[in-house]
Structure formats: structure tokens, C-alpha cells
Amino acid sequence: MTFTGSTSSKHIGVGAAILLCLVGVGAALSAGWFTLPLPLSVVAMLLAWVKGVVVVEYFMELRHAPYLLRGVVHAWLSLTCMGLVMSSWV
């Protein structure tokens, strides 16, 4: 299989494949095939955070933005995911 896209497109494809594998692991966890010491909500939010970083960096193209703007968006994403994880433990 050959790929004729740009280098950044290749990275997105690899990232999407990794994300798809992580979603499969999450589905196996939810089906009860094996267990982790972490609650499923933590695993789901970790996957959501990884997906959010991919969307922010590549599809919103913030990888070329000023560091302050990138920092604000990444901080918002991290705080939102952490808040949702904390709310699931209460």
C-alpha cells in the first residue's frame, strides 16, 4: 500500500489508527473482557483528551498558532476532561 499524501497527512493517519486501537480497547473494557485498575470513565476521558489534542493540533491547525493561544486551548481541553473525570467519582 502506497501513500502519496503529505507528511502531516501520514501522521494524522497513524494517529487515527492509534486512536482507533484505543477505542477498541475501550470497547473491550466496557464489554467486560478484562479489567483495569482504573474506572472506565478515566479511560474514556483519556481517549477523549487524545482525540481532542489531535483535533486541536491538526484540524484546527493550532500547531502553527502562537504559544499563548495553543496553551489556552490545551488548558481548556485538559481542565474539561479532568472536570468530567472528577464528576464521575463524586
N, C-alpha and C. Protein backbone atom coordinates (compact mmCIF):
# COMPACT_ATOMS: atom_id res chain seq x y z
N MET A 1 0.83 -1.16 0.00
CA MET A 1 0.00 0.00 0.00
C MET A 1 0.89 1.24 0.00
N THR A 2 0.69 2.11 -0.93
CA THR A 2 1.47 3.34 -1.00
C THR A 2 0.60 4.51 -0.61
N PHE A 3 1.25 5.50 -0.07
CA PHE A 3 0.56 6.70 0.38
C PHE A 3 1.22 7.88 -0.29
N THR A 4 0.44 8.68 -0.98
CA THR A 4 1.01 9.79 -1.73
C THR A 4 0.74 11.14 -1.09
N GLY A 5 0.17 11.17 0.10
CA GLY A 5 -0.14 12.43 0.77
C GLY A 5 1.09 13.06 1.38
N SER A 6 0.89 14.20 2.00
CA SER A 6 2.00 14.90 2.64
C SER A 6 2.39 14.20 3.94
N THR A 7 3.50 14.63 4.49
CA THR A 7 3.99 14.03 5.71
C THR A 7 3.02 14.22 6.86
N SER A 8 2.41 15.42 6.96
CA SER A 8 1.48 15.65 8.07
C SER A 8 0.24 14.78 7.92
N SER A 9 -0.16 14.47 6.68
CA SER A 9 -1.30 13.58 6.47
C SER A 9 -0.96 12.17 6.92
N LYS A 10 0.28 11.76 6.73
CA LYS A 10 0.71 10.44 7.20
C LYS A 10 0.63 10.37 8.71
N HIS A 11 1.04 11.44 9.38
CA HIS A 11 0.99 11.46 10.84
C HIS A 11 -0.45 11.40 11.34
N ILE A 12 -1.34 12.08 10.64
CA ILE A 12 -2.75 12.04 11.02
C ILE A 12 -3.29 10.63 10.84
N GLY A 13 -2.90 9.96 9.77
CA GLY A 13 -3.34 8.59 9.55
C GLY A 13 -2.84 7.64 10.62
N VAL A 14 -1.59 7.81 11.03
CA VAL A 14 -1.04 6.98 12.10
C VAL A 14 -1.75 7.30 13.41
N GLY A 15 -1.98 8.57 13.67
CA GLY A 15 -2.69 8.96 14.89
C GLY A 15 -4.11 8.42 14.91
N ALA A 16 -4.77 8.45 13.75
CA ALA A 16 -6.13 7.92 13.67
C ALA A 16 -6.14 6.41 13.90
N ALA A 17 -5.14 5.71 13.40
CA ALA A 17 -5.05 4.26 13.61
C ALA A 17 -4.82 3.94 15.09
N ILE A 18 -3.96 4.71 15.73
CA ILE A 18 -3.71 4.50 17.16
C ILE A 18 -4.97 4.80 17.95
N LEU A 19 -5.66 5.88 17.60
CA LEU A 19 -6.90 6.23 18.28
C LEU A 19 -7.96 5.15 18.10
N LEU A 20 -8.03 4.59 16.90
CA LEU A 20 -8.98 3.51 16.65
C LEU A 20 -8.66 2.28 17.50
N CYS A 21 -7.38 1.97 17.65
CA CYS A 21 -6.99 0.84 18.51
C CYS A 21 -7.36 1.11 19.96
N LEU A 22 -7.16 2.35 20.41
CA LEU A 22 -7.52 2.69 21.78
C LEU A 22 -9.03 2.61 22.00
N VAL A 23 -9.81 2.99 21.00
CA VAL A 23 -11.26 2.86 21.10
C VAL A 23 -11.65 1.39 21.19
N GLY A 24 -10.96 0.53 20.45
CA GLY A 24 -11.21 -0.91 20.54
C GLY A 24 -10.91 -1.45 21.93
N VAL A 25 -9.84 -0.97 22.54
CA VAL A 25 -9.52 -1.38 23.91
C VAL A 25 -10.61 -0.90 24.86
N GLY A 26 -11.09 0.31 24.64
CA GLY A 26 -12.18 0.83 25.47
C GLY A 26 -13.45 0.01 25.32
N ALA A 27 -13.74 -0.43 24.09
CA ALA A 27 -14.91 -1.27 23.87
C ALA A 27 -14.75 -2.62 24.57
N ALA A 28 -13.54 -3.16 24.53
CA ALA A 28 -13.29 -4.44 25.22
C ALA A 28 -13.45 -4.27 26.73
N LEU A 29 -13.01 -3.12 27.24
CA LEU A 29 -13.19 -2.86 28.67
C LEU A 29 -14.66 -2.77 29.04
N SER A 30 -15.42 -2.08 28.21
CA SER A 30 -16.84 -1.91 28.52
C SER A 30 -17.60 -3.23 28.39
N ALA A 31 -17.11 -4.13 27.55
CA ALA A 31 -17.76 -5.43 27.40
C ALA A 31 -17.38 -6.36 28.55
N GLY A 32 -16.39 -5.99 29.33
CA GLY A 32 -16.00 -6.80 30.48
C GLY A 32 -15.06 -7.94 30.14
N TRP A 33 -14.37 -7.86 29.01
CA TRP A 33 -13.44 -8.92 28.62
C TRP A 33 -12.24 -8.98 29.55
N PHE A 34 -11.79 -7.84 30.01
CA PHE A 34 -10.72 -7.77 31.00
C PHE A 34 -10.91 -6.49 31.79
N THR A 35 -10.24 -6.37 32.89
CA THR A 35 -10.43 -5.21 33.76
C THR A 35 -9.14 -4.45 33.95
N LEU A 36 -9.29 -3.20 34.25
CA LEU A 36 -8.17 -2.33 34.58
C LEU A 36 -8.38 -1.80 36.00
N PRO A 37 -7.30 -1.39 36.65
CA PRO A 37 -7.49 -0.79 37.98
C PRO A 37 -8.17 0.58 37.91
N LEU A 38 -8.23 1.18 36.72
CA LEU A 38 -8.87 2.48 36.55
C LEU A 38 -10.34 2.31 36.20
N PRO A 39 -11.19 3.21 36.64
CA PRO A 39 -12.58 3.16 36.19
C PRO A 39 -12.66 3.45 34.69
N LEU A 40 -13.70 2.96 34.08
CA LEU A 40 -13.86 3.14 32.63
C LEU A 40 -14.01 4.60 32.25
N SER A 41 -14.54 5.41 33.14
CA SER A 41 -14.69 6.84 32.84
C SER A 41 -13.33 7.51 32.66
N VAL A 42 -12.33 7.08 33.41
CA VAL A 42 -10.98 7.64 33.27
C VAL A 42 -10.40 7.25 31.92
N VAL A 43 -10.59 6.01 31.53
CA VAL A 43 -10.09 5.55 30.22
C VAL A 43 -10.80 6.30 29.10
N ALA A 44 -12.10 6.48 29.22
CA ALA A 44 -12.87 7.18 28.18
C ALA A 44 -12.43 8.64 28.08
N MET A 45 -12.20 9.29 29.21
CA MET A 45 -11.77 10.69 29.16
C MET A 45 -10.34 10.82 28.65
N LEU A 46 -9.51 9.84 28.93
CA LEU A 46 -8.16 9.86 28.38
C LEU A 46 -8.22 9.76 26.85
N LEU A 47 -9.08 8.89 26.35
CA LEU A 47 -9.25 8.78 24.90
C LEU A 47 -9.83 10.07 24.32
N ALA A 48 -10.78 10.68 25.03
CA ALA A 48 -11.35 11.94 24.57
C ALA A 48 -10.31 13.04 24.54
N TRP A 49 -9.41 13.05 25.54
CA TRP A 49 -8.36 14.06 25.56
C TRP A 49 -7.39 13.87 24.38
N VAL A 50 -7.01 12.62 24.11
CA VAL A 50 -6.11 12.34 22.98
C VAL A 50 -6.77 12.78 21.68
N LYS A 51 -8.05 12.45 21.51
CA LYS A 51 -8.76 12.86 20.30
C LYS A 51 -8.84 14.38 20.22
N GLY A 52 -9.08 15.03 21.35
CA GLY A 52 -9.14 16.49 21.37
C GLY A 52 -7.82 17.12 20.97
N VAL A 53 -6.72 16.56 21.43
CA VAL A 53 -5.40 17.09 21.05
C VAL A 53 -5.17 16.94 19.55
N VAL A 54 -5.56 15.80 19.00
CA VAL A 54 -5.42 15.60 17.55
C VAL A 54 -6.25 16.62 16.78
N VAL A 55 -7.48 16.83 17.22
CA VAL A 55 -8.36 17.80 16.55
C VAL A 55 -7.80 19.20 16.66
N VAL A 56 -7.34 19.58 17.86
CA VAL A 56 -6.82 20.92 18.07
C VAL A 56 -5.56 21.16 17.25
N GLU A 57 -4.65 20.22 17.26
CA GLU A 57 -3.37 20.44 16.59
C GLU A 57 -3.46 20.35 15.07
N TYR A 58 -4.21 19.40 14.55
CA TYR A 58 -4.18 19.16 13.12
C TYR A 58 -5.37 19.72 12.37
N PHE A 59 -6.59 19.56 12.89
CA PHE A 59 -7.75 20.00 12.13
C PHE A 59 -8.05 21.47 12.38
N MET A 60 -7.78 21.96 13.58
CA MET A 60 -7.92 23.40 13.85
C MET A 60 -6.63 24.14 13.49
N GLU A 61 -5.59 23.39 13.17
CA GLU A 61 -4.29 23.90 12.75
C GLU A 61 -3.67 24.87 13.76
N LEU A 62 -3.77 24.53 15.03
CA LEU A 62 -3.15 25.37 16.05
C LEU A 62 -1.67 25.06 16.23
N ARG A 63 -1.15 24.09 15.50
CA ARG A 63 0.28 23.79 15.63
C ARG A 63 1.13 24.95 15.10
N HIS A 64 0.52 25.83 14.30
CA HIS A 64 1.24 27.00 13.78
C HIS A 64 0.83 28.28 14.50
N ALA A 65 -0.04 28.17 15.49
CA ALA A 65 -0.55 29.35 16.20
C ALA A 65 0.43 29.79 17.28
N PRO A 66 0.27 31.01 17.78
CA PRO A 66 1.12 31.46 18.89
C PRO A 66 0.96 30.56 20.11
N TYR A 67 2.02 30.48 20.90
CA TYR A 67 2.02 29.58 22.06
C TYR A 67 0.93 29.92 23.07
N LEU A 68 0.61 31.19 23.22
CA LEU A 68 -0.42 31.57 24.18
C LEU A 68 -1.77 31.00 23.77
N LEU A 69 -2.13 31.11 22.51
CA LEU A 69 -3.40 30.58 22.03
C LEU A 69 -3.44 29.05 22.17
N ARG A 70 -2.35 28.40 21.80
CA ARG A 70 -2.28 26.94 21.95
C ARG A 70 -2.39 26.54 23.41
N GLY A 71 -1.72 27.27 24.27
CA GLY A 71 -1.76 26.96 25.70
C GLY A 71 -3.15 27.11 26.28
N VAL A 72 -3.87 28.16 25.88
CA VAL A 72 -5.22 28.37 26.38
C VAL A 72 -6.15 27.25 25.93
N VAL A 73 -6.05 26.86 24.66
CA VAL A 73 -6.93 25.80 24.15
C VAL A 73 -6.59 24.46 24.80
N HIS A 74 -5.31 24.15 24.94
CA HIS A 74 -4.93 22.88 25.58
C HIS A 74 -5.30 22.87 27.07
N ALA A 75 -5.18 24.02 27.72
CA ALA A 75 -5.57 24.09 29.14
C ALA A 75 -7.08 23.88 29.28
N TRP A 76 -7.86 24.50 28.38
CA TRP A 76 -9.31 24.31 28.43
C TRP A 76 -9.66 22.84 28.21
N LEU A 77 -9.03 22.21 27.25
CA LEU A 77 -9.30 20.80 26.97
C LEU A 77 -8.94 19.92 28.17
N SER A 78 -7.80 20.16 28.75
CA SER A 78 -7.36 19.36 29.90
C SER A 78 -8.26 19.57 31.11
N LEU A 79 -8.61 20.82 31.39
CA LEU A 79 -9.48 21.09 32.53
C LEU A 79 -10.87 20.51 32.35
N THR A 80 -11.38 20.55 31.12
CA THR A 80 -12.69 19.97 30.85
C THR A 80 -12.67 18.46 31.07
N CYS A 81 -11.68 17.80 30.55
CA CYS A 81 -11.58 16.34 30.73
C CYS A 81 -11.38 15.97 32.19
N MET A 82 -10.52 16.71 32.90
CA MET A 82 -10.31 16.42 34.32
C MET A 82 -11.57 16.68 35.13
N GLY A 83 -12.31 17.73 34.80
CA GLY A 83 -13.55 18.02 35.49
C GLY A 83 -14.58 16.92 35.29
N LEU A 84 -14.67 16.40 34.08
CA LEU A 84 -15.61 15.30 33.83
C LEU A 84 -15.20 14.03 34.57
N VAL A 85 -13.92 13.75 34.64
CA VAL A 85 -13.45 12.58 35.40
C VAL A 85 -13.77 12.76 36.89
N MET A 86 -13.52 13.94 37.41
CA MET A 86 -13.79 14.19 38.83
C MET A 86 -15.28 14.11 39.13
N SER A 87 -16.11 14.56 38.20
CA SER A 87 -17.55 14.49 38.44
C SER A 87 -18.06 13.06 38.42
N SER A 88 -17.36 12.17 37.75
CA SER A 88 -17.81 10.78 37.72
C SER A 88 -17.46 10.05 39.04
N TRP A 89 -16.51 10.60 39.81
CA TRP A 89 -16.13 9.98 41.07
C TRP A 89 -16.98 10.46 42.24
N VAL A 90 -17.69 11.55 42.05
CA VAL A 90 -18.49 12.11 43.14
C VAL A 90 -19.79 11.38 43.30
